[in-house]
C-alpha atoms as a PDB file:
ATOM      1  CA  UNK A   1      16.331  -4.995  -0.085  1.00  0.00           C
ATOM      2  CA  UNK A   2      13.331  -6.985  -1.199  1.00  0.00           C
ATOM      3  CA  UNK A   3      12.369  -7.504  -4.813  1.00  0.00           C
ATOM      4  CA  UNK A   4       8.870  -7.458  -6.239  1.00  0.00           C
ATOM      5  CA  UNK A   5       7.247 -10.784  -6.975  1.00  0.00           C
ATOM      6  CA  UNK A   6       3.889 -12.480  -7.189  1.00  0.00           C
ATOM      7  CA  UNK A   7       2.497 -12.869  -3.676  1.00  0.00           C
ATOM      8  CA  UNK A   8       1.431 -16.499  -4.049  1.00  0.00           C
ATOM      9  CA  UNK A   9       4.287 -18.571  -2.677  1.00  0.00           C
ATOM     10  CA  UNK A  10       5.052 -22.123  -3.622  1.00  0.00           C
ATOM     11  CA  UNK A  11       4.805 -24.640  -0.811  1.00  0.00           C
ATOM     12  CA  UNK A  12       7.638 -24.192   1.640  1.00  0.00           C
ATOM     13  CA  UNK A  13       8.788 -20.812   0.280  1.00  0.00           C
ATOM     14  CA  UNK A  14       8.593 -17.334   1.794  1.00  0.00           C
ATOM     15  CA  UNK A  15       6.367 -14.806  -0.015  1.00  0.00           C
ATOM     16  CA  UNK A  16       7.840 -11.508  -1.150  1.00  0.00           C
ATOM     17  CA  UNK A  17       7.115  -8.657   1.248  1.00  0.00           C
ATOM     18  CA  UNK A  18       7.335  -5.873  -1.371  1.00  0.00           C
ATOM     19  CA  UNK A  19       4.747  -6.289  -4.125  1.00  0.00           C
ATOM     20  CA  UNK A  20       5.228  -3.890  -7.019  1.00  0.00           C
ATOM     21  CA  UNK A  21       2.102  -2.477  -8.655  1.00  0.00           C
ATOM     22  CA  UNK A  22       0.493  -5.035 -10.956  1.00  0.00           C
ATOM     23  CA  UNK A  23       2.472  -8.050  -9.759  1.00  0.00           C
ATOM     24  CA  UNK A  24      -0.192  -9.168  -7.286  1.00  0.00           C
ATOM     25  CA  UNK A  25      -3.154  -8.979  -9.665  1.00  0.00           C
ATOM     26  CA  UNK A  26      -5.517 -11.954  -9.648  1.00  0.00           C
ATOM     27  CA  UNK A  27      -8.843 -12.533 -11.385  1.00  0.00           C
ATOM     28  CA  UNK A  28     -10.948  -9.354 -11.311  1.00  0.00           C
ATOM     29  CA  UNK A  29      -8.598  -7.601  -8.870  1.00  0.00           C
ATOM     30  CA  UNK A  30      -5.640  -5.380  -9.753  1.00  0.00           C
ATOM     31  CA  UNK A  31      -4.321  -6.277  -6.300  1.00  0.00           C
ATOM     32  CA  UNK A  32      -5.095  -9.327  -4.206  1.00  0.00           C
ATOM     33  CA  UNK A  33      -3.419 -10.103  -0.891  1.00  0.00           C
ATOM     34  CA  UNK A  34      -5.011 -12.939   1.062  1.00  0.00           C
ATOM     35  CA  UNK A  35      -3.890 -14.735   4.215  1.00  0.00           C
ATOM     36  CA  UNK A  36      -2.874 -17.638   1.986  1.00  0.00           C
ATOM     37  CA  UNK A  37      -0.826 -15.551  -0.444  1.00  0.00           C
ATOM     38  CA  UNK A  38       0.812 -13.558   2.356  1.00  0.00           C
ATOM     39  CA  UNK A  39       1.673 -16.658   4.356  1.00  0.00           C
ATOM     40  CA  UNK A  40      -0.180 -15.503   7.465  1.00  0.00           C
ATOM     41  CA  UNK A  41      -3.592 -16.029   9.024  1.00  0.00           C
ATOM     42  CA  UNK A  42      -5.850 -12.979   9.192  1.00  0.00           C
ATOM     43  CA  UNK A  43      -5.419  -9.792   7.087  1.00  0.00           C
ATOM     44  CA  UNK A  44      -6.388  -9.280   3.440  1.00  0.00           C
ATOM     45  CA  UNK A  45      -6.663  -6.510   0.863  1.00  0.00           C
ATOM     46  CA  UNK A  46      -8.079  -6.433  -2.639  1.00  0.00           C
ATOM     47  CA  UNK A  47      -8.316  -3.493  -5.019  1.00  0.00           C
ATOM     48  CA  UNK A  48     -11.128  -3.598  -7.569  1.00  0.00           C
ATOM     49  CA  UNK A  49     -11.285  -1.398 -10.668  1.00  0.00           C
ATOM     50  CA  UNK A  50     -14.720  -0.968 -12.229  1.00  0.00           C
ATOM     51  CA  UNK A  51     -15.401   0.599 -15.608  1.00  0.00           C
ATOM     52  CA  UNK A  52     -18.427   2.933 -15.845  1.00  0.00           C
ATOM     53  CA  UNK A  53     -21.571   0.834 -15.497  1.00  0.00           C
ATOM     54  CA  UNK A  54     -19.673  -2.309 -14.478  1.00  0.00           C
ATOM     55  CA  UNK A  55     -20.677  -4.612 -11.618  1.00  0.00           C
ATOM     56  CA  UNK A  56     -18.861  -7.101  -9.393  1.00  0.00           C
ATOM     57  CA  UNK A  57     -20.244  -9.889  -7.222  1.00  0.00           C
ATOM     58  CA  UNK A  58     -18.343 -10.370  -3.968  1.00  0.00           C
ATOM     59  CA  UNK A  59     -18.605 -13.372  -1.668  1.00  0.00           C
ATOM     60  CA  UNK A  60     -17.068 -12.402   1.655  1.00  0.00           C
ATOM     61  CA  UNK A  61     -16.682 -16.006   2.866  1.00  0.00           C
ATOM     62  CA  UNK A  62     -14.909 -16.131   6.268  1.00  0.00           C
ATOM     63  CA  UNK A  63     -13.880 -12.458   6.092  1.00  0.00           C
ATOM     64  CA  UNK A  64     -15.531  -9.235   7.168  1.00  0.00           C
ATOM     65  CA  UNK A  65     -14.866  -6.574   4.517  1.00  0.00           C
ATOM     66  CA  UNK A  66     -14.710  -2.770   4.582  1.00  0.00           C
ATOM     67  CA  UNK A  67     -15.368  -1.253   1.152  1.00  0.00           C
ATOM     68  CA  UNK A  68     -13.353   1.962   0.746  1.00  0.00           C
ATOM     69  CA  UNK A  69     -13.547   4.076  -2.427  1.00  0.00           C
ATOM     70  CA  UNK A  70     -10.060   5.123  -3.552  1.00  0.00           C
ATOM     71  CA  UNK A  71     -11.504   7.075  -6.478  1.00  0.00           C
ATOM     72  CA  UNK A  72     -15.074   7.298  -7.695  1.00  0.00           C
ATOM     73  CA  UNK A  73     -18.301   6.134  -6.099  1.00  0.00           C
ATOM     74  CA  UNK A  74     -20.408   2.976  -6.164  1.00  0.00           C
ATOM     75  CA  UNK A  75     -23.572   1.273  -5.004  1.00  0.00           C
ATOM     76  CA  UNK A  76     -23.307  -1.725  -2.665  1.00  0.00           C
ATOM     77  CA  UNK A  77     -26.188  -4.162  -2.192  1.00  0.00           C
ATOM     78  CA  UNK A  78     -25.907  -6.725   0.601  1.00  0.00           C
ATOM     79  CA  UNK A  79     -28.308  -8.505   2.975  1.00  0.00           C
ATOM     80  CA  UNK A  80     -31.250  -6.478   1.675  1.00  0.00           C
ATOM     81  CA  UNK A  81     -29.441  -3.161   2.146  1.00  0.00           C
ATOM     82  CA  UNK A  82     -28.617  -0.716  -0.637  1.00  0.00           C
ATOM     83  CA  UNK A  83     -25.743   1.655   0.190  1.00  0.00           C
ATOM     84  CA  UNK A  84     -24.733   4.475  -2.128  1.00  0.00           C
ATOM     85  CA  UNK A  85     -21.121   5.517  -1.550  1.00  0.00           C
ATOM     86  CA  UNK A  86     -20.359   9.018  -2.821  1.00  0.00           C
ATOM     87  CA  UNK A  87     -16.634   8.246  -2.793  1.00  0.00           C
ATOM     88  CA  UNK A  88     -14.077  10.896  -3.706  1.00  0.00           C
ATOM     89  CA  UNK A  89     -11.930  12.219  -6.513  1.00  0.00           C
ATOM     90  CA  UNK A  90      -8.769  10.514  -5.234  1.00  0.00           C
ATOM     91  CA  UNK A  91      -7.110   9.490  -1.975  1.00  0.00           C
ATOM     92  CA  UNK A  92      -5.691  12.988  -1.389  1.00  0.00           C
ATOM     93  CA  UNK A  93      -9.143  14.626  -1.463  1.00  0.00           C
ATOM     94  CA  UNK A  94     -10.009  13.814   2.157  1.00  0.00           C
ATOM     95  CA  UNK A  95     -11.835  10.979   3.905  1.00  0.00           C
ATOM     96  CA  UNK A  96     -14.485   8.980   2.093  1.00  0.00           C
ATOM     97  CA  UNK A  97     -17.654   7.287   3.190  1.00  0.00           C
ATOM     98  CA  UNK A  98     -17.402   3.494   3.392  1.00  0.00           C
ATOM     99  CA  UNK A  99     -19.440   0.321   3.788  1.00  0.00           C
ATOM    100  CA  UNK A 100     -18.998  -2.605   6.166  1.00  0.00           C
ATOM    101  CA  UNK A 101     -19.918  -6.093   4.935  1.00  0.00           C
ATOM    102  CA  UNK A 102     -20.170  -9.099   7.252  1.00  0.00           C
ATOM    103  CA  UNK A 103     -18.664 -12.537   6.774  1.00  0.00           C
ATOM    104  CA  UNK A 104     -20.712 -15.173   4.903  1.00  0.00           C
ATOM    105  CA  UNK A 105     -22.412 -12.597   2.692  1.00  0.00           C
ATOM    106  CA  UNK A 106     -22.846 -11.939  -1.007  1.00  0.00           C
ATOM    107  CA  UNK A 107     -22.654  -8.321  -2.162  1.00  0.00           C
ATOM    108  CA  UNK A 108     -23.206  -6.689  -5.535  1.00  0.00           C
ATOM    109  CA  UNK A 109     -20.968  -3.707  -6.283  1.00  0.00           C
ATOM    110  CA  UNK A 110     -21.895  -1.345  -9.125  1.00  0.00           C
ATOM    111  CA  UNK A 111     -20.288   1.914 -10.247  1.00  0.00           C
ATOM    112  CA  UNK A 112     -22.128   4.119 -12.720  1.00  0.00           C
ATOM    113  CA  UNK A 113     -19.127   6.385 -13.270  1.00  0.00           C
ATOM    114  CA  UNK A 114     -16.322   3.862 -12.656  1.00  0.00           C
ATOM    115  CA  UNK A 115     -13.571   3.919 -10.070  1.00  0.00           C
ATOM    116  CA  UNK A 116     -11.127   2.056  -7.862  1.00  0.00           C
ATOM    117  CA  UNK A 117     -12.179   0.474  -4.595  1.00  0.00           C
ATOM    118  CA  UNK A 118     -10.260  -1.123  -1.725  1.00  0.00           C
ATOM    119  CA  UNK A 119     -11.725  -4.181  -0.017  1.00  0.00           C
ATOM    120  CA  UNK A 120     -10.091  -4.348   3.417  1.00  0.00           C
ATOM    121  CA  UNK A 121     -10.627  -7.743   5.015  1.00  0.00           C
ATOM    122  CA  UNK A 122      -9.969  -9.876   8.052  1.00  0.00           C
ATOM    123  CA  UNK A 123     -10.978 -13.359   9.162  1.00  0.00           C
ATOM    124  CA  UNK A 124     -13.962 -12.854  11.455  1.00  0.00           C
ATOM    125  CA  UNK A 125     -15.629 -14.945  14.121  1.00  0.00           C
ATOM    126  CA  UNK A 126     -18.753 -12.804  14.601  1.00  0.00           C
ATOM    127  CA  UNK A 127     -21.241 -11.803  11.926  1.00  0.00           C
ATOM    128  CA  UNK A 128     -22.086  -8.115  12.377  1.00  0.00           C
ATOM    129  CA  UNK A 129     -24.670  -6.115  10.405  1.00  0.00           C
ATOM    130  CA  UNK A 130     -24.118  -4.245   7.159  1.00  0.00           C
ATOM    131  CA  UNK A 131     -23.363  -0.577   7.847  1.00  0.00           C
ATOM    132  CA  UNK A 132     -22.619   2.699   6.070  1.00  0.00           C
ATOM    133  CA  UNK A 133     -20.494   5.481   7.584  1.00  0.00           C
ATOM    134  CA  UNK A 134     -20.519   8.923   5.897  1.00  0.00           C
ATOM    135  CA  UNK A 135     -17.292  10.802   5.251  1.00  0.00           C
ATOM    136  CA  UNK A 136     -18.283  13.334   7.929  1.00  0.00           C
ATOM    137  CA  UNK A 137     -18.243  10.493  10.469  1.00  0.00           C
ATOM    138  CA  UNK A 138     -14.563   9.656   9.891  1.00  0.00           C
ATOM    139  CA  UNK A 139     -12.299  11.178  12.569  1.00  0.00           C
ATOM    140  CA  UNK A 140      -9.300  13.005  11.108  1.00  0.00           C
ATOM    141  CA  UNK A 141      -6.206  13.250  13.297  1.00  0.00           C
ATOM    142  CA  UNK A 142      -2.936  15.148  12.894  1.00  0.00           C
ATOM    143  CA  UNK A 143      -0.024  13.195  14.359  1.00  0.00           C
ATOM    144  CA  UNK A 144       3.521  14.195  15.036  1.00  0.00           C
ATOM    145  CA  UNK A 145       4.950  17.633  14.256  1.00  0.00           C
ATOM    146  CA  UNK A 146       7.423  19.371  11.981  1.00  0.00           C
ATOM    147  CA  UNK A 147       8.957  16.986   9.461  1.00  0.00           C
ATOM    148  CA  UNK A 148       7.185  14.079  11.166  1.00  0.00           C
ATOM    149  CA  UNK A 149       3.701  15.557  10.615  1.00  0.00           C
ATOM    150  CA  UNK A 150       1.057  13.382   8.987  1.00  0.00           C
ATOM    151  CA  UNK A 151      -2.714  13.159   8.678  1.00  0.00           C
ATOM    152  CA  UNK A 152      -4.627  10.028   9.703  1.00  0.00           C
ATOM    153  CA  UNK A 153      -8.159   9.196   8.581  1.00  0.00           C
ATOM    154  CA  UNK A 154      -9.312   6.820  11.334  1.00  0.00           C
ATOM    155  CA  UNK A 155     -12.225   5.270   9.479  1.00  0.00           C
ATOM    156  CA  UNK A 156     -12.103   1.727  10.923  1.00  0.00           C
ATOM    157  CA  UNK A 157      -9.710   1.817  13.835  1.00  0.00           C
ATOM    158  CA  UNK A 158     -10.364   0.123  17.166  1.00  0.00           C
ATOM    159  CA  UNK A 159     -12.398   2.383  19.419  1.00  0.00           C
ATOM    160  CA  UNK A 160     -13.803   4.309  16.440  1.00  0.00           C
ATOM    161  CA  UNK A 161     -15.703   1.685  14.448  1.00  0.00           C
ATOM    162  CA  UNK A 162     -17.084  -1.643  15.636  1.00  0.00           C
ATOM    163  CA  UNK A 163     -15.813  -4.714  13.818  1.00  0.00           C
ATOM    164  CA  UNK A 164     -14.852  -8.235  14.799  1.00  0.00           C
ATOM    165  CA  UNK A 165     -11.189  -8.184  13.773  1.00  0.00           C
ATOM    166  CA  UNK A 166     -10.274  -5.739  11.008  1.00  0.00           C
ATOM    167  CA  UNK A 167      -8.474  -2.486  11.861  1.00  0.00           C
ATOM    168  CA  UNK A 168      -7.886  -0.005   9.039  1.00  0.00           C
ATOM    169  CA  UNK A 169      -6.895   3.628   8.534  1.00  0.00           C
ATOM    170  CA  UNK A 170      -5.413   5.964   5.934  1.00  0.00           C
ATOM    171  CA  UNK A 171      -2.270   8.059   6.395  1.00  0.00           C
ATOM    172  CA  UNK A 172      -1.375  11.132   4.319  1.00  0.00           C
ATOM    173  CA  UNK A 173       2.242  12.317   4.520  1.00  0.00           C
ATOM    174  CA  UNK A 174       3.181  15.642   2.859  1.00  0.00           C
ATOM    175  CA  UNK A 175       6.137  15.532   0.491  1.00  0.00           C
ATOM    176  CA  UNK A 176       9.475  15.474   2.321  1.00  0.00           C
ATOM    177  CA  UNK A 177       8.024  14.252   5.633  1.00  0.00           C
ATOM    178  CA  UNK A 178       8.485  10.998   7.554  1.00  0.00           C
ATOM    179  CA  UNK A 179       5.613   8.946   8.968  1.00  0.00           C
ATOM    180  CA  UNK A 180       5.208   5.557  10.669  1.00  0.00           C
ATOM    181  CA  UNK A 181       7.960   7.045  12.807  1.00  0.00           C
ATOM    182  CA  UNK A 182       9.506   6.325  15.234  1.00  0.00           C
ATOM    183  CA  UNK A 183       9.718   2.689  14.104  1.00  0.00           C
ATOM    184  CA  UNK A 184       7.318   0.572  16.097  1.00  0.00           C
ATOM    185  CA  UNK A 185       6.037  -2.976  16.246  1.00  0.00           C
ATOM    186  CA  UNK A 186       2.934  -4.944  17.240  1.00  0.00           C
ATOM    187  CA  UNK A 187       3.820  -8.618  16.974  1.00  0.00           C
ATOM    188  CA  UNK A 188       3.408  -9.868  20.546  1.00  0.00           C
ATOM    189  CA  UNK A 189       0.506 -10.112  22.965  1.00  0.00           C
ATOM    190  CA  UNK A 190       1.073  -8.154  26.181  1.00  0.00           C
ATOM    191  CA  UNK A 191      -0.293  -5.228  28.168  1.00  0.00           C
ATOM    192  CA  UNK A 192       1.513  -2.809  25.847  1.00  0.00           C
ATOM    193  CA  UNK A 193       1.350  -4.612  22.509  1.00  0.00           C
ATOM    194  CA  UNK A 194      -1.098  -6.569  20.352  1.00  0.00           C
ATOM    195  CA  UNK A 195      -0.171  -9.105  17.688  1.00  0.00           C
ATOM    196  CA  UNK A 196      -1.267  -7.749  14.318  1.00  0.00           C
ATOM    197  CA  UNK A 197      -0.306  -8.527  10.723  1.00  0.00           C
ATOM    198  CA  UNK A 198      -0.229  -5.361   8.626  1.00  0.00           C
ATOM    199  CA  UNK A 199      -0.608  -4.427   4.970  1.00  0.00           C
ATOM    200  CA  UNK A 200       0.691  -1.098   3.630  1.00  0.00           C
ATOM    201  CA  UNK A 201      -0.874  -0.071   0.304  1.00  0.00           C
ATOM    202  CA  UNK A 202       0.774   3.049  -1.161  1.00  0.00           C
ATOM    203  CA  UNK A 203      -0.256   5.758  -3.597  1.00  0.00           C
ATOM    204  CA  UNK A 204       2.222   8.484  -4.523  1.00  0.00           C
ATOM    205  CA  UNK A 205       1.045  11.875  -5.789  1.00  0.00           C
ATOM    206  CA  UNK A 206       2.677  13.006  -9.038  1.00  0.00           C
ATOM    207  CA  UNK A 207       4.937  16.046  -9.178  1.00  0.00           C
ATOM    208  CA  UNK A 208       3.809  19.496 -10.363  1.00  0.00           C
ATOM    209  CA  UNK A 209       4.241  18.527 -14.022  1.00  0.00           C
ATOM    210  CA  UNK A 210       2.866  15.017 -13.567  1.00  0.00           C
ATOM    211  CA  UNK A 211       6.233  13.436 -12.806  1.00  0.00           C
ATOM    212  CA  UNK A 212       5.989   9.962 -11.195  1.00  0.00           C
ATOM    213  CA  UNK A 213       7.059   9.888  -7.564  1.00  0.00           C
ATOM    214  CA  UNK A 214       8.533   7.457  -5.093  1.00  0.00           C
ATOM    215  CA  UNK A 215       8.820   6.805  -1.375  1.00  0.00           C
ATOM    216  CA  UNK A 216      10.755   4.512   0.946  1.00  0.00           C
ATOM    217  CA  UNK A 217       9.557   2.085   3.582  1.00  0.00           C
ATOM    218  CA  UNK A 218      11.552   0.146   6.161  1.00  0.00           C
ATOM    219  CA  UNK A 219      10.810  -3.089   8.069  1.00  0.00           C
ATOM    220  CA  UNK A 220      13.384  -4.787  10.298  1.00  0.00           C
ATOM    221  CA  UNK A 221      13.294  -7.469  12.928  1.00  0.00           C
ATOM    222  CA  UNK A 222      14.639  -8.485  16.282  1.00  0.00           C
ATOM    223  CA  UNK A 223      17.462 -10.908  17.001  1.00  0.00           C
ATOM    224  CA  UNK A 224      14.920 -13.649  17.648  1.00  0.00           C
ATOM    225  CA  UNK A 225      12.734 -12.851  14.616  1.00  0.00           C
ATOM    226  CA  UNK A 226      14.825 -11.323  11.831  1.00  0.00           C
ATOM    227  CA  UNK A 227      13.252  -9.561   8.872  1.00  0.00           C
ATOM    228  CA  UNK A 228      14.810  -7.050   6.477  1.00  0.00           C
ATOM    229  CA  UNK A 229      12.905  -4.840   4.024  1.00  0.00           C
ATOM    230  CA  UNK A 230      14.093  -1.550   2.554  1.00  0.00           C
ATOM    231  CA  UNK A 231      11.626  -0.899  -0.240  1.00  0.00           C
ATOM    232  CA  UNK A 232      11.588   1.891  -2.797  1.00  0.00           C
ATOM    233  CA  UNK A 233       7.846   2.055  -3.247  1.00  0.00           C
ATOM    234  CA  UNK A 234       6.044   3.504  -6.232  1.00  0.00           C
ATOM    235  CA  UNK A 235       2.398   4.330  -6.851  1.00  0.00           C
ATOM    236  CA  UNK A 236       0.136   1.370  -5.923  1.00  0.00           C
ATOM    237  CA  UNK A 237       2.889  -0.822  -4.437  1.00  0.00           C
ATOM    238  CA  UNK A 238       2.297  -2.903  -1.309  1.00  0.00           C
ATOM    239  CA  UNK A 239       4.545  -3.858   1.613  1.00  0.00           C
ATOM    240  CA  UNK A 240       3.577  -6.716   3.935  1.00  0.00           C
ATOM    241  CA  UNK A 241       4.559  -6.560   7.614  1.00  0.00           C
ATOM    242  CA  UNK A 242       4.184 -10.004   9.220  1.00  0.00           C
ATOM    243  CA  UNK A 243       6.222  -8.934  12.274  1.00  0.00           C
ATOM    244  CA  UNK A 244       9.069  -6.687  13.330  1.00  0.00           C
ATOM    245  CA  UNK A 245       9.751  -2.978  13.636  1.00  0.00           C
ATOM    246  CA  UNK A 246       8.336  -0.948  10.752  1.00  0.00           C
ATOM    247  CA  UNK A 247       8.916   2.632   9.747  1.00  0.00           C
ATOM    248  CA  UNK A 248       9.737   5.127   8.654  1.00  0.00           C
ATOM    249  CA  UNK A 249       7.648   5.684   5.553  1.00  0.00           C
ATOM    250  CA  UNK A 250       9.450   8.519   3.800  1.00  0.00           C
ATOM    251  CA  UNK A 251       7.758  10.779   1.246  1.00  0.00           C
ATOM    252  CA  UNK A 252      10.008  12.291  -1.419  1.00  0.00           C
ATOM    253  CA  UNK A 253       9.930  16.100  -1.687  1.00  0.00           C
ATOM    254  CA  UNK A 254       7.019  17.403  -3.815  1.00  0.00           C
ATOM    255  CA  UNK A 255       5.333  13.988  -3.773  1.00  0.00           C
ATOM    256  CA  UNK A 256       2.639  13.597  -1.119  1.00  0.00           C
ATOM    257  CA  UNK A 257       2.361  10.013   0.088  1.00  0.00           C
ATOM    258  CA  UNK A 258      -0.791   8.046   0.882  1.00  0.00           C
ATOM    259  CA  UNK A 259      -0.956   4.653   2.482  1.00  0.00           C
ATOM    260  CA  UNK A 260      -3.811   2.437   3.535  1.00  0.00           C
ATOM    261  CA  UNK A 261      -3.125   0.229   6.551  1.00  0.00           C
ATOM    262  CA  UNK A 262      -5.077  -3.009   7.048  1.00  0.00           C
ATOM    263  CA  UNK A 263      -4.425  -5.021  10.215  1.00  0.00           C
ATOM    264  CA  UNK A 264      -5.767  -8.059  12.044  1.00  0.00           C
ATOM    265  CA  UNK A 265      -4.389 -10.682  14.379  1.00  0.00           C
ATOM    266  CA  UNK A 266      -5.101 -13.828  16.356  1.00  0.00           C
ATOM    267  CA  UNK A 267      -5.898 -12.296  19.733  1.00  0.00           C
ATOM    268  CA  UNK A 268      -9.414 -12.142  21.189  1.00  0.00           C
ATOM    269  CA  UNK A 269      -9.050  -8.392  21.767  1.00  0.00           C
ATOM    270  CA  UNK A 270      -9.421  -6.016  18.824  1.00  0.00           C
ATOM    271  CA  UNK A 271      -6.889  -3.392  19.851  1.00  0.00           C
ATOM    272  CA  UNK A 272      -3.974  -1.470  18.372  1.00  0.00           C
ATOM    273  CA  UNK A 273      -1.182  -1.290  20.924  1.00  0.00           C
ATOM    274  CA  UNK A 274       2.391  -0.683  19.801  1.00  0.00           C
ATOM    275  CA  UNK A 275       5.857  -0.272  21.247  1.00  0.00           C
ATOM    276  CA  UNK A 276       8.508   2.062  19.821  1.00  0.00           C
ATOM    277  CA  UNK A 277      12.018   0.978  18.934  1.00  0.00           C
ATOM    278  CA  UNK A 278      13.897   2.253  22.020  1.00  0.00           C
ATOM    279  CA  UNK A 279      16.682   3.561  19.804  1.00  0.00           C
ATOM    280  CA  UNK A 280      14.319   6.053  18.151  1.00  0.00           C
ATOM    281  CA  UNK A 281      11.544   6.690  20.679  1.00  0.00           C
ATOM    282  CA  UNK A 282      13.196   9.949  21.835  1.00  0.00           C
ATOM    283  CA  UNK A 283      11.941  11.740  18.726  1.00  0.00           C
ATOM    284  CA  UNK A 284       8.447  11.983  20.216  1.00  0.00           C
ATOM    285  CA  UNK A 285       9.796  14.328  22.898  1.00  0.00           C
ATOM    286  CA  UNK A 286      10.771  16.868  20.229  1.00  0.00           C
ATOM    287  CA  UNK A 287       7.251  17.217  18.874  1.00  0.00           C
ATOM    288  CA  UNK A 288       5.894  19.226  21.823  1.00  0.00           C
ATOM    289  CA  UNK A 289       8.107  22.154  20.798  1.00  0.00           C
ATOM    290  CA  UNK A 290       7.249  21.985  17.077  1.00  0.00           C
ATOM    291  CA  UNK A 291       4.196  23.000  15.086  1.00  0.00           C
ATOM    292  CA  UNK A 292       2.254  20.648  12.862  1.00  0.00           C
ATOM    293  CA  UNK A 293       3.190  21.030   9.191  1.00  0.00           C
ATOM    294  CA  UNK A 294       0.994  23.902   7.924  1.00  0.00           C
ATOM    295  CA  UNK A 295       0.156  21.885   4.796  1.00  0.00           C
ATOM    296  CA  UNK A 296      -2.072  19.680   6.968  1.00  0.00           C
ATOM    297  CA  UNK A 297      -4.844  18.784   6.858  1.00  0.00           C
ATOM    298  CA  UNK A 298      -4.781  18.528   3.088  1.00  0.00           C
ATOM    299  CA  UNK A 299      -8.538  18.687   2.620  1.00  0.00           C
ATOM    300  CA  UNK A 300     -10.164  20.792   5.367  1.00  0.00           C
ATOM    301  CA  UNK A 301      -9.401  22.603   8.629  1.00  0.00           C
ATOM    302  CA  UNK A 302     -11.388  20.116  10.739  1.00  0.00           C
ATOM    303  CA  UNK A 303      -8.848  17.837  12.402  1.00  0.00           C
ATOM    304  CA  UNK A 304      -7.594  17.001  15.876  1.00  0.00           C
ATOM    305  CA  UNK A 305      -3.959  17.062  16.880  1.00  0.00           C
ATOM    306  CA  UNK A 306      -2.290  14.176  18.690  1.00  0.00           C
ATOM    307  CA  UNK A 307       1.259  13.297  19.649  1.00  0.00           C
ATOM    308  CA  UNK A 308      -0.167   9.820  20.462  1.00  0.00           C
ATOM    309  CA  UNK A 309       2.533   7.616  21.944  1.00  0.00           C
ATOM    310  CA  UNK A 310       0.600   4.586  20.751  1.00  0.00           C
ATOM    311  CA  UNK A 311       0.099   5.781  17.189  1.00  0.00           C
ATOM    312  CA  UNK A 312       2.367   5.391  14.143  1.00  0.00           C
END
């Protein structure tokens, strides 16, 4: 089982793959995962907290960045564009609108009411225009069935939103359910798989009396590329997945689980192709005979159902 540690490794050491809340804070960010701190080459995630009326200047540098409100709203100014993000109450309140910022840009972020904002990044070769997508434009998908039911907000996935490299989505798992299941991987380039580094950022809903919750997340490797993570994750923890099979993510009863996935990789094709662990792939066959968990979707009745064999 991994232990929490600062993500910035000393030269020649391996960074921790489970980052407990607060241990990866840096500068203005309550969470900062960069390619350098993670020991890989492409994916990044920062979480910015702004007090009411506060501002933050962001230089995107070599990264394209998707600005995603976790709670609250903000105004983003970049390349002569002013984007007002309505945001949301919290991550369990449904999809949010978001802003796309290109590489080599300077943006000013301001929140009149305060809030928490995820900056999902990836090293980018092309410079695309600034864009705003409303919450109504985010496809919501119900995956799996029964105890493997989960809700996916596909705000910046390949085939849904144009970007150079970054792939990002949100997954909501009702308390007691399993998601990112069956275990799957995407660490090779082939017709059925794309090589992608992945960041899991978790939020755990409190219990009915405000009790703090927990969840579990598993990452394991192959004989050629071993890796071993069994993490008890708490609210605002992160797990890094450089390679290997990952899943399940298990939500404790009465504690809904949210995670934000940020992915990118070295290949020229921006695609999300996965393969299941053959030992567990059979579970997909059981879903056709089961109903989706009636608790889903958490926020509205507008969602599509998918058993997607290529979706976690």
